[in-house]
Amino acid sequence: MNGAEDLALRLTREELAHHWRVSVRTIERWSATGLCPRPLRMGGRILYRREDVLAWERGQTGEALD
């Protein structure tokens, strides 16, 4: 599987932190300051769309990471 296939359609903060190899606190901080994709708030849960994460990664590196 490639990187895009390994990601679920929606990721929790914990899953995103694991994917990017940073702490959950870093994800919280980046979200609060707009330095990562905007999360979805669904029934008290905070989730990130896979397509937003991959687009953000492409914007950071200039190429897809899948």
PDB file of N, CA and C in Angstrom:
ATOM      1  N   MET A   1       0.835  -1.197   0.000  1.00  0.00           N
ATOM      2  CA  MET A   1       0.000   0.000   0.000  1.00  0.00           C
ATOM      3  C   MET A   1       0.868   1.244   0.000  1.00  0.00           C
ATOM      4  N   ASN A   2       0.362   2.283  -0.647  1.00  0.00           N
ATOM      5  CA  ASN A   2       1.107   3.538  -0.607  1.00  0.00           C
ATOM      6  C   ASN A   2       0.578   4.409   0.524  1.00  0.00           C
ATOM      7  N   GLY A   3       1.189   5.553   0.740  1.00  0.00           N
ATOM      8  CA  GLY A   3       0.836   6.425   1.858  1.00  0.00           C
ATOM      9  C   GLY A   3      -0.620   6.837   1.882  1.00  0.00           C
ATOM     10  N   ALA A   4      -1.189   7.186   0.734  1.00  0.00           N
ATOM     11  CA  ALA A   4      -2.582   7.624   0.681  1.00  0.00           C
ATOM     12  C   ALA A   4      -3.521   6.489   1.033  1.00  0.00           C
ATOM     13  N   GLU A   5      -3.231   5.268   0.595  1.00  0.00           N
ATOM     14  CA  GLU A   5      -4.090   4.129   0.889  1.00  0.00           C
ATOM     15  C   GLU A   5      -4.015   3.735   2.353  1.00  0.00           C
ATOM     16  N   ASP A   6      -2.917   4.024   3.020  1.00  0.00           N
ATOM     17  CA  ASP A   6      -2.759   3.679   4.422  1.00  0.00           C
ATOM     18  C   ASP A   6      -3.591   4.573   5.337  1.00  0.00           C
ATOM     19  N   LEU A   7      -3.982   5.747   4.869  1.00  0.00           N
ATOM     20  CA  LEU A   7      -4.739   6.674   5.695  1.00  0.00           C
ATOM     21  C   LEU A   7      -6.231   6.407   5.589  1.00  0.00           C
ATOM     22  N   ALA A   8      -6.915   6.428   6.713  1.00  0.00           N
ATOM     23  CA  ALA A   8      -8.371   6.318   6.714  1.00  0.00           C
ATOM     24  C   ALA A   8      -8.951   7.586   6.093  1.00  0.00           C
ATOM     25  N   LEU A   9     -10.229   7.556   5.755  1.00  0.00           N
ATOM     26  CA  LEU A   9     -10.857   8.743   5.172  1.00  0.00           C
ATOM     27  C   LEU A   9     -10.936   9.889   6.164  1.00  0.00           C
ATOM     28  N   ARG A  10     -11.054   9.579   7.436  1.00  0.00           N
ATOM     29  CA  ARG A  10     -11.069  10.582   8.495  1.00  0.00           C
ATOM     30  C   ARG A  10     -10.065  10.146   9.563  1.00  0.00           C
ATOM     31  N   LEU A  11      -9.259  11.093  10.043  1.00  0.00           N
ATOM     32  CA  LEU A  11      -8.261  10.781  11.061  1.00  0.00           C
ATOM     33  C   LEU A  11      -8.537  11.559  12.336  1.00  0.00           C
ATOM     34  N   THR A  12      -8.300  10.921  13.459  1.00  0.00           N
ATOM     35  CA  THR A  12      -8.350  11.620  14.744  1.00  0.00           C
ATOM     36  C   THR A  12      -7.049  12.392  14.922  1.00  0.00           C
ATOM     37  N   ARG A  13      -7.000  13.227  15.952  1.00  0.00           N
ATOM     38  CA  ARG A  13      -5.736  13.932  16.240  1.00  0.00           C
ATOM     39  C   ARG A  13      -4.619  12.935  16.518  1.00  0.00           C
ATOM     40  N   GLU A  14      -4.962  11.873  17.239  1.00  0.00           N
ATOM     41  CA  GLU A  14      -3.962  10.870  17.579  1.00  0.00           C
ATOM     42  C   GLU A  14      -3.423  10.177  16.331  1.00  0.00           C
ATOM     43  N   GLU A  15      -4.323   9.841  15.409  1.00  0.00           N
ATOM     44  CA  GLU A  15      -3.893   9.189  14.171  1.00  0.00           C
ATOM     45  C   GLU A  15      -3.053  10.119  13.308  1.00  0.00           C
ATOM     46  N   LEU A  16      -3.452  11.387  13.239  1.00  0.00           N
ATOM     47  CA  LEU A  16      -2.684  12.350  12.466  1.00  0.00           C
ATOM     48  C   LEU A  16      -1.309  12.568  13.091  1.00  0.00           C
ATOM     49  N   ALA A  17      -1.261  12.654  14.402  1.00  0.00           N
ATOM     50  CA  ALA A  17       0.026  12.815  15.096  1.00  0.00           C
ATOM     51  C   ALA A  17       0.938  11.623  14.806  1.00  0.00           C
ATOM     52  N   HIS A  18       0.387  10.435  14.837  1.00  0.00           N
ATOM     53  CA  HIS A  18       1.174   9.236  14.538  1.00  0.00           C
ATOM     54  C   HIS A  18       1.665   9.276  13.091  1.00  0.00           C
ATOM     55  N   HIS A  19       0.793   9.639  12.166  1.00  0.00           N
ATOM     56  CA  HIS A  19       1.153   9.714  10.740  1.00  0.00           C
ATOM     57  C   HIS A  19       2.298  10.696  10.507  1.00  0.00           C
ATOM     58  N   TRP A  20       2.227  11.844  11.168  1.00  0.00           N
ATOM     59  CA  TRP A  20       3.258  12.867  10.980  1.00  0.00           C
ATOM     60  C   TRP A  20       4.427  12.722  11.959  1.00  0.00           C
ATOM     61  N   ARG A  21       4.341  11.765  12.867  1.00  0.00           N
ATOM     62  CA  ARG A  21       5.391  11.519  13.866  1.00  0.00           C
ATOM     63  C   ARG A  21       5.665  12.751  14.728  1.00  0.00           C
ATOM     64  N   VAL A  22       4.562  13.348  15.194  1.00  0.00           N
ATOM     65  CA  VAL A  22       4.645  14.471  16.134  1.00  0.00           C
ATOM     66  C   VAL A  22       3.701  14.157  17.290  1.00  0.00           C
ATOM     67  N   SER A  23       3.734  14.970  18.318  1.00  0.00           N
ATOM     68  CA  SER A  23       2.853  14.750  19.458  1.00  0.00           C
ATOM     69  C   SER A  23       1.440  15.265  19.167  1.00  0.00           C
ATOM     70  N   VAL A  24       0.479  14.743  19.921  1.00  0.00           N
ATOM     71  CA  VAL A  24      -0.893  15.224  19.811  1.00  0.00           C
ATOM     72  C   VAL A  24      -0.931  16.707  20.163  1.00  0.00           C
ATOM     73  N   ARG A  25      -0.153  17.116  21.130  1.00  0.00           N
ATOM     74  CA  ARG A  25      -0.094  18.530  21.510  1.00  0.00           C
ATOM     75  C   ARG A  25       0.355  19.396  20.336  1.00  0.00           C
ATOM     76  N   THR A  26       1.294  18.907  19.548  1.00  0.00           N
ATOM     77  CA  THR A  26       1.732  19.655  18.369  1.00  0.00           C
ATOM     78  C   THR A  26       0.580  19.815  17.387  1.00  0.00           C
ATOM     79  N   ILE A  27      -0.187  18.754  17.160  1.00  0.00           N
ATOM     80  CA  ILE A  27      -1.348  18.841  16.274  1.00  0.00           C
ATOM     81  C   ILE A  27      -2.348  19.858  16.818  1.00  0.00           C
ATOM     82  N   GLU A  28      -2.593  19.835  18.122  1.00  0.00           N
ATOM     83  CA  GLU A  28      -3.507  20.806  18.736  1.00  0.00           C
ATOM     84  C   GLU A  28      -3.014  22.231  18.522  1.00  0.00           C
ATOM     85  N   ARG A  29      -1.732  22.438  18.722  1.00  0.00           N
ATOM     86  CA  ARG A  29      -1.147  23.773  18.566  1.00  0.00           C
ATOM     87  C   ARG A  29      -1.211  24.229  17.106  1.00  0.00           C
ATOM     88  N   TRP A  30      -0.844  23.342  16.190  1.00  0.00           N
ATOM     89  CA  TRP A  30      -0.895  23.687  14.771  1.00  0.00           C
ATOM     90  C   TRP A  30      -2.325  23.989  14.336  1.00  0.00           C
ATOM     91  N   SER A  31      -3.290  23.227  14.832  1.00  0.00           N
ATOM     92  CA  SER A  31      -4.694  23.473  14.488  1.00  0.00           C
ATOM     93  C   SER A  31      -5.151  24.837  14.995  1.00  0.00           C
ATOM     94  N   ALA A  32      -4.749  25.161  16.203  1.00  0.00           N
ATOM     95  CA  ALA A  32      -5.155  26.434  16.807  1.00  0.00           C
ATOM     96  C   ALA A  32      -4.575  27.633  16.067  1.00  0.00           C
ATOM     97  N   THR A  33      -3.413  27.456  15.458  1.00  0.00           N
ATOM     98  CA  THR A  33      -2.754  28.567  14.767  1.00  0.00           C
ATOM     99  C   THR A  33      -2.905  28.501  13.249  1.00  0.00           C
ATOM    100  N   GLY A  34      -3.660  27.501  12.759  1.00  0.00           N
ATOM    101  CA  GLY A  34      -3.896  27.392  11.324  1.00  0.00           C
ATOM    102  C   GLY A  34      -2.730  26.833  10.531  1.00  0.00           C
ATOM    103  N   LEU A  35      -1.824  26.119  11.182  1.00  0.00           N
ATOM    104  CA  LEU A  35      -0.644  25.587  10.497  1.00  0.00           C
ATOM    105  C   LEU A  35      -0.825  24.176   9.957  1.00  0.00           C
ATOM    106  N   CYS A  36      -2.035  23.655  10.025  1.00  0.00           N
ATOM    107  CA  CYS A  36      -2.329  22.348   9.447  1.00  0.00           C
ATOM    108  C   CYS A  36      -3.759  22.386   8.922  1.00  0.00           C
ATOM    109  N   PRO A  37      -4.203  21.351   8.254  1.00  0.00           N
ATOM    110  CA  PRO A  37      -5.562  21.381   7.704  1.00  0.00           C
ATOM    111  C   PRO A  37      -6.618  21.638   8.781  1.00  0.00           C
ATOM    112  N   ARG A  38      -7.692  22.309   8.369  1.00  0.00           N
ATOM    113  CA  ARG A  38      -8.797  22.575   9.295  1.00  0.00           C
ATOM    114  C   ARG A  38      -9.495  21.275   9.663  1.00  0.00           C
ATOM    115  N   PRO A  39      -9.738  21.067  10.942  1.00  0.00           N
ATOM    116  CA  PRO A  39     -10.435  19.842  11.341  1.00  0.00           C
ATOM    117  C   PRO A  39     -11.946  19.971  11.163  1.00  0.00           C
ATOM    118  N   LEU A  40     -12.585  18.828  11.112  1.00  0.00           N
ATOM    119  CA  LEU A  40     -14.043  18.756  11.144  1.00  0.00           C
ATOM    120  C   LEU A  40     -14.445  18.494  12.584  1.00  0.00           C
ATOM    121  N   ARG A  41     -15.510  19.087  13.018  1.00  0.00           N
ATOM    122  CA  ARG A  41     -16.034  18.809  14.357  1.00  0.00           C
ATOM    123  C   ARG A  41     -17.344  18.065  14.170  1.00  0.00           C
ATOM    124  N   MET A  42     -17.334  16.804  14.575  1.00  0.00           N
ATOM    125  CA  MET A  42     -18.493  15.946  14.376  1.00  0.00           C
ATOM    126  C   MET A  42     -18.897  15.314  15.702  1.00  0.00           C
ATOM    127  N   GLY A  43     -20.006  15.784  16.270  1.00  0.00           N
ATOM    128  CA  GLY A  43     -20.497  15.201  17.515  1.00  0.00           C
ATOM    129  C   GLY A  43     -19.488  15.207  18.638  1.00  0.00           C
ATOM    130  N   GLY A  44     -18.768  16.285  18.780  1.00  0.00           N
ATOM    131  CA  GLY A  44     -17.767  16.381  19.840  1.00  0.00           C
ATOM    132  C   GLY A  44     -16.411  15.789  19.469  1.00  0.00           C
ATOM    133  N   ARG A  45     -16.330  15.157  18.332  1.00  0.00           N
ATOM    134  CA  ARG A  45     -15.055  14.591  17.874  1.00  0.00           C
ATOM    135  C   ARG A  45     -14.390  15.561  16.916  1.00  0.00           C
ATOM    136  N   ILE A  46     -13.084  15.560  16.929  1.00  0.00           N
ATOM    137  CA  ILE A  46     -12.305  16.376  16.001  1.00  0.00           C
ATOM    138  C   ILE A  46     -11.621  15.424  15.041  1.00  0.00           C
ATOM    139  N   LEU A  47     -11.932  15.603  13.751  1.00  0.00           N
ATOM    140  CA  LEU A  47     -11.402  14.712  12.720  1.00  0.00           C
ATOM    141  C   LEU A  47     -10.805  15.527  11.585  1.00  0.00           C
ATOM    142  N   TYR A  48      -9.880  14.913  10.880  1.00  0.00           N
ATOM    143  CA  TYR A  48      -9.226  15.545   9.734  1.00  0.00           C
ATOM    144  C   TYR A  48      -9.519  14.698   8.503  1.00  0.00           C
ATOM    145  N   ARG A  49      -9.925  15.326   7.422  1.00  0.00           N
ATOM    146  CA  ARG A  49     -10.203  14.601   6.181  1.00  0.00           C
ATOM    147  C   ARG A  49      -8.895  14.198   5.520  1.00  0.00           C
ATOM    148  N   ARG A  50      -8.820  12.954   5.070  1.00  0.00           N
ATOM    149  CA  ARG A  50      -7.612  12.442   4.417  1.00  0.00           C
ATOM    150  C   ARG A  50      -7.212  13.323   3.240  1.00  0.00           C
ATOM    151  N   GLU A  51      -8.171  13.723   2.426  1.00  0.00           N
ATOM    152  CA  GLU A  51      -7.841  14.528   1.245  1.00  0.00           C
ATOM    153  C   GLU A  51      -7.237  15.871   1.642  1.00  0.00           C
ATOM    154  N   ASP A  52      -7.686  16.445   2.760  1.00  0.00           N
ATOM    155  CA  ASP A  52      -7.111  17.705   3.239  1.00  0.00           C
ATOM    156  C   ASP A  52      -5.684  17.503   3.732  1.00  0.00           C
ATOM    157  N   VAL A  53      -5.460  16.390   4.434  1.00  0.00           N
ATOM    158  CA  VAL A  53      -4.115  16.084   4.941  1.00  0.00           C
ATOM    159  C   VAL A  53      -3.145  15.895   3.780  1.00  0.00           C
ATOM    160  N   LEU A  54      -3.561  15.115   2.770  1.00  0.00           N
ATOM    161  CA  LEU A  54      -2.675  14.864   1.628  1.00  0.00           C
ATOM    162  C   LEU A  54      -2.419  16.139   0.833  1.00  0.00           C
ATOM    163  N   ALA A  55      -3.434  16.975   0.676  1.00  0.00           N
ATOM    164  CA  ALA A  55      -3.249  18.252  -0.037  1.00  0.00           C
ATOM    165  C   ALA A  55      -2.294  19.147   0.737  1.00  0.00           C
ATOM    166  N   TRP A  56      -2.424  19.173   2.050  1.00  0.00           N
ATOM    167  CA  TRP A  56      -1.530  19.981   2.880  1.00  0.00           C
ATOM    168  C   TRP A  56      -0.094  19.481   2.741  1.00  0.00           C
ATOM    169  N   GLU A  57       0.080  18.154   2.750  1.00  0.00           N
ATOM    170  CA  GLU A  57       1.420  17.586   2.587  1.00  0.00           C
ATOM    171  C   GLU A  57       2.020  17.960   1.240  1.00  0.00           C
ATOM    172  N   ARG A  58       1.228  17.872   0.182  1.00  0.00           N
ATOM    173  CA  ARG A  58       1.731  18.253  -1.143  1.00  0.00           C
ATOM    174  C   ARG A  58       2.163  19.711  -1.156  1.00  0.00           C
ATOM    175  N   GLY A  59       1.409  20.553  -0.489  1.00  0.00           N
ATOM    176  CA  GLY A  59       1.740  21.981  -0.426  1.00  0.00           C
ATOM    177  C   GLY A  59       3.019  22.239   0.356  1.00  0.00           C
ATOM    178  N   GLN A  60       3.324  21.372   1.306  1.00  0.00           N
ATOM    179  CA  GLN A  60       4.529  21.539   2.118  1.00  0.00           C
ATOM    180  C   GLN A  60       5.771  21.042   1.406  1.00  0.00           C
ATOM    181  N   THR A  61       5.627  19.995   0.606  1.00  0.00           N
ATOM    182  CA  THR A  61       6.793  19.372   0.004  1.00  0.00           C
ATOM    183  C   THR A  61       6.917  19.626  -1.483  1.00  0.00           C
ATOM    184  N   GLY A  62       5.828  20.071  -2.098  1.00  0.00           N
ATOM    185  CA  GLY A  62       5.833  20.276  -3.539  1.00  0.00           C
ATOM    186  C   GLY A  62       5.520  19.011  -4.307  1.00  0.00           C
ATOM    187  N   GLU A  63       5.274  17.905  -3.603  1.00  0.00           N
ATOM    188  CA  GLU A  63       4.913  16.651  -4.263  1.00  0.00           C
ATOM    189  C   GLU A  63       4.074  15.808  -3.324  1.00  0.00           C
ATOM    190  N   ALA A  64       3.352  14.878  -3.865  1.00  0.00           N
ATOM    191  CA  ALA A  64       2.527  13.985  -3.067  1.00  0.00           C
ATOM    192  C   ALA A  64       3.423  13.000  -2.313  1.00  0.00           C
ATOM    193  N   LEU A  65       2.991  12.628  -1.123  1.00  0.00           N
ATOM    194  CA  LEU A  65       3.743  11.674  -0.330  1.00  0.00           C
ATOM    195  C   LEU A  65       3.163  10.268  -0.425  1.00  0.00           C
ATOM    196  N   ASP A  66       2.326  10.044  -1.410  1.00  0.00           N
ATOM    197  CA  ASP A  66       1.727   8.714  -1.550  1.00  0.00           C
ATOM    198  C   ASP A  66       2.516   7.947  -2.532  1.00  0.00           C
TER     199      ASP A  66
END
